[in-house]
Amino acid sequence: MDAETGSRALRAATDLIEVLRLAQGALERVAQEVHGAPFEQADQLDHDIQRLRRLAERLKNIERFVKSEESGAIARGHPLRRASDRHQQPS
């Protein structure tokens, strides 16, 4: 992954977190308006969304990787796209 790809991945992770935040807000509003089985379903979905948000937050660790790739690309003079690129022989 080069710096540009990493930046796109970081923006996508940020977008995902925002979408999950909005979904969680909507589920909380639904839970306030219903009772019985629909409430239980909304409550379960709310817990699932919370779990997904925590997992999505971990994706923001991409930021550290992007920064290291940017500095590495400067040192190498070109982006390293895959770890396997180091082992390929030119044809």
C-alpha atoms as a PDB file:
ATOM      1  CA  MET A   1       0.000   0.000   0.000  1.00  0.00           C
ATOM      2  CA  ASP A   2       1.457   3.336  -0.983  1.00  0.00           C
ATOM      3  CA  ALA A   3       0.750   6.649   0.742  1.00  0.00           C
ATOM      4  CA  GLU A   4      -2.058   7.593  -1.671  1.00  0.00           C
ATOM      5  CA  THR A   5      -3.814   4.250  -1.247  1.00  0.00           C
ATOM      6  CA  GLY A   6      -3.370   4.509   2.502  1.00  0.00           C
ATOM      7  CA  SER A   7      -4.926   7.970   2.505  1.00  0.00           C
ATOM      8  CA  ARG A   8      -7.943   6.674   0.596  1.00  0.00           C
ATOM      9  CA  ALA A   9      -8.251   3.769   3.036  1.00  0.00           C
ATOM     10  CA  LEU A  10      -8.085   6.172   5.977  1.00  0.00           C
ATOM     11  CA  ARG A  11     -10.840   8.356   4.471  1.00  0.00           C
ATOM     12  CA  ALA A  12     -12.957   5.248   3.879  1.00  0.00           C
ATOM     13  CA  ALA A  13     -12.462   4.138   7.500  1.00  0.00           C
ATOM     14  CA  THR A  14     -13.486   7.604   8.695  1.00  0.00           C
ATOM     15  CA  ASP A  15     -16.587   7.474   6.455  1.00  0.00           C
ATOM     16  CA  LEU A  16     -17.461   4.044   7.834  1.00  0.00           C
ATOM     17  CA  ILE A  17     -17.229   5.293  11.402  1.00  0.00           C
ATOM     18  CA  GLU A  18     -19.488   8.227  10.565  1.00  0.00           C
ATOM     19  CA  VAL A  19     -22.092   5.995   8.890  1.00  0.00           C
ATOM     20  CA  LEU A  20     -22.108   3.681  11.905  1.00  0.00           C
ATOM     21  CA  ARG A  21     -22.496   6.683  14.226  1.00  0.00           C
ATOM     22  CA  LEU A  22     -25.518   7.852  12.250  1.00  0.00           C
ATOM     23  CA  ALA A  23     -26.999   4.341  12.224  1.00  0.00           C
ATOM     24  CA  GLN A  24     -26.560   4.068  15.973  1.00  0.00           C
ATOM     25  CA  GLY A  25     -28.335   7.390  16.491  1.00  0.00           C
ATOM     26  CA  ALA A  26     -31.235   6.248  14.328  1.00  0.00           C
ATOM     27  CA  LEU A  27     -31.495   2.967  16.237  1.00  0.00           C
ATOM     28  CA  GLU A  28     -31.581   4.820  19.546  1.00  0.00           C
ATOM     29  CA  ARG A  29     -34.477   6.941  18.240  1.00  0.00           C
ATOM     30  CA  VAL A  30     -36.324   3.825  17.060  1.00  0.00           C
ATOM     31  CA  ALA A  31     -35.829   2.169  20.462  1.00  0.00           C
ATOM     32  CA  GLN A  32     -37.387   5.192  22.156  1.00  0.00           C
ATOM     33  CA  GLU A  33     -40.537   4.921  20.033  1.00  0.00           C
ATOM     34  CA  VAL A  34     -41.310   1.202  20.146  1.00  0.00           C
ATOM     35  CA  HIS A  35     -41.797  -1.515  22.747  1.00  0.00           C
ATOM     36  CA  GLY A  36     -41.902  -5.301  22.862  1.00  0.00           C
ATOM     37  CA  ALA A  37     -40.208  -7.305  20.130  1.00  0.00           C
ATOM     38  CA  PRO A  38     -39.344  -4.268  17.967  1.00  0.00           C
ATOM     39  CA  PHE A  39     -37.630  -2.661  20.968  1.00  0.00           C
ATOM     40  CA  GLU A  40     -35.630  -5.840  21.587  1.00  0.00           C
ATOM     41  CA  GLN A  41     -34.575  -5.939  17.932  1.00  0.00           C
ATOM     42  CA  ALA A  42     -33.564  -2.267  17.947  1.00  0.00           C
ATOM     43  CA  ASP A  43     -31.680  -2.742  21.203  1.00  0.00           C
ATOM     44  CA  GLN A  44     -29.810  -5.756  19.822  1.00  0.00           C
ATOM     45  CA  LEU A  45     -28.948  -3.861  16.649  1.00  0.00           C
ATOM     46  CA  ASP A  46     -27.735  -0.955  18.780  1.00  0.00           C
ATOM     47  CA  HIS A  47     -25.343  -3.263  20.622  1.00  0.00           C
ATOM     48  CA  ASP A  48     -24.154  -4.732  17.318  1.00  0.00           C
ATOM     49  CA  ILE A  49     -23.551  -1.259  15.880  1.00  0.00           C
ATOM     50  CA  GLN A  50     -21.594  -0.272  19.007  1.00  0.00           C
ATOM     51  CA  ARG A  51     -19.394  -3.337  18.520  1.00  0.00           C
ATOM     52  CA  LEU A  52     -18.898  -2.511  14.833  1.00  0.00           C
ATOM     53  CA  ARG A  53     -17.994   1.077  15.700  1.00  0.00           C
ATOM     54  CA  ARG A  54     -15.309  -0.135  18.098  1.00  0.00           C
ATOM     55  CA  LEU A  55     -13.914  -2.416  15.394  1.00  0.00           C
ATOM     56  CA  ALA A  56     -14.067   0.375  12.809  1.00  0.00           C
ATOM     57  CA  GLU A  57     -12.136   2.664  15.150  1.00  0.00           C
ATOM     58  CA  ARG A  58      -9.298   0.144  14.980  1.00  0.00           C
ATOM     59  CA  LEU A  59      -9.139   0.731  11.237  1.00  0.00           C
ATOM     60  CA  LYS A  60      -7.936   4.227  11.975  1.00  0.00           C
ATOM     61  CA  ASN A  61      -4.631   2.578  12.879  1.00  0.00           C
ATOM     62  CA  ILE A  62      -4.117   2.819   9.116  1.00  0.00           C
ATOM     63  CA  GLU A  63      -3.069   6.397   9.833  1.00  0.00           C
ATOM     64  CA  ARG A  64       0.164   5.238  11.485  1.00  0.00           C
ATOM     65  CA  PHE A  65       0.830   2.888   8.574  1.00  0.00           C
ATOM     66  CA  VAL A  66       0.214   5.680   6.053  1.00  0.00           C
ATOM     67  CA  LYS A  67       2.675   7.955   7.816  1.00  0.00           C
ATOM     68  CA  SER A  68       5.328   5.222   7.899  1.00  0.00           C
ATOM     69  CA  GLU A  69       4.744   4.471   4.209  1.00  0.00           C
ATOM     70  CA  GLU A  70       5.036   8.149   3.309  1.00  0.00           C
ATOM     71  CA  SER A  71       8.373   8.434   5.091  1.00  0.00           C
ATOM     72  CA  GLY A  72       9.484   5.066   3.670  1.00  0.00           C
ATOM     73  CA  ALA A  73       8.529   6.092   0.146  1.00  0.00           C
ATOM     74  CA  ILE A  74      10.723   9.153   0.470  1.00  0.00           C
ATOM     75  CA  ALA A  75      13.627   7.010   1.655  1.00  0.00           C
ATOM     76  CA  ARG A  76      13.073   4.395  -1.095  1.00  0.00           C
ATOM     77  CA  GLY A  77      12.309   6.913  -3.790  1.00  0.00           C
ATOM     78  CA  HIS A  78       9.202   4.986  -4.848  1.00  0.00           C
ATOM     79  CA  PRO A  79       6.149   3.423  -3.192  1.00  0.00           C
ATOM     80  CA  LEU A  80       6.260  -0.228  -2.198  1.00  0.00           C
ATOM     81  CA  ARG A  81       2.842  -1.602  -3.096  1.00  0.00           C
ATOM     82  CA  ARG A  82       3.143  -5.166  -1.812  1.00  0.00           C
ATOM     83  CA  ALA A  83       5.586  -6.937   0.420  1.00  0.00           C
ATOM     84  CA  SER A  84       6.062  -9.482  -2.388  1.00  0.00           C
ATOM     85  CA  ASP A  85       7.427  -6.714  -4.652  1.00  0.00           C
ATOM     86  CA  ARG A  86      10.767  -7.031  -2.871  1.00  0.00           C
ATOM     87  CA  HIS A  87      11.154 -10.629  -4.007  1.00  0.00           C
ATOM     88  CA  GLN A  88      10.138 -10.343  -7.640  1.00  0.00           C
ATOM     89  CA  GLN A  89      12.879 -10.647 -10.220  1.00  0.00           C
ATOM     90  CA  PRO A  90      12.711  -8.281 -13.208  1.00  0.00           C
ATOM     91  CA  SER A  91      11.764 -10.048 -16.436  1.00  0.00           C
END
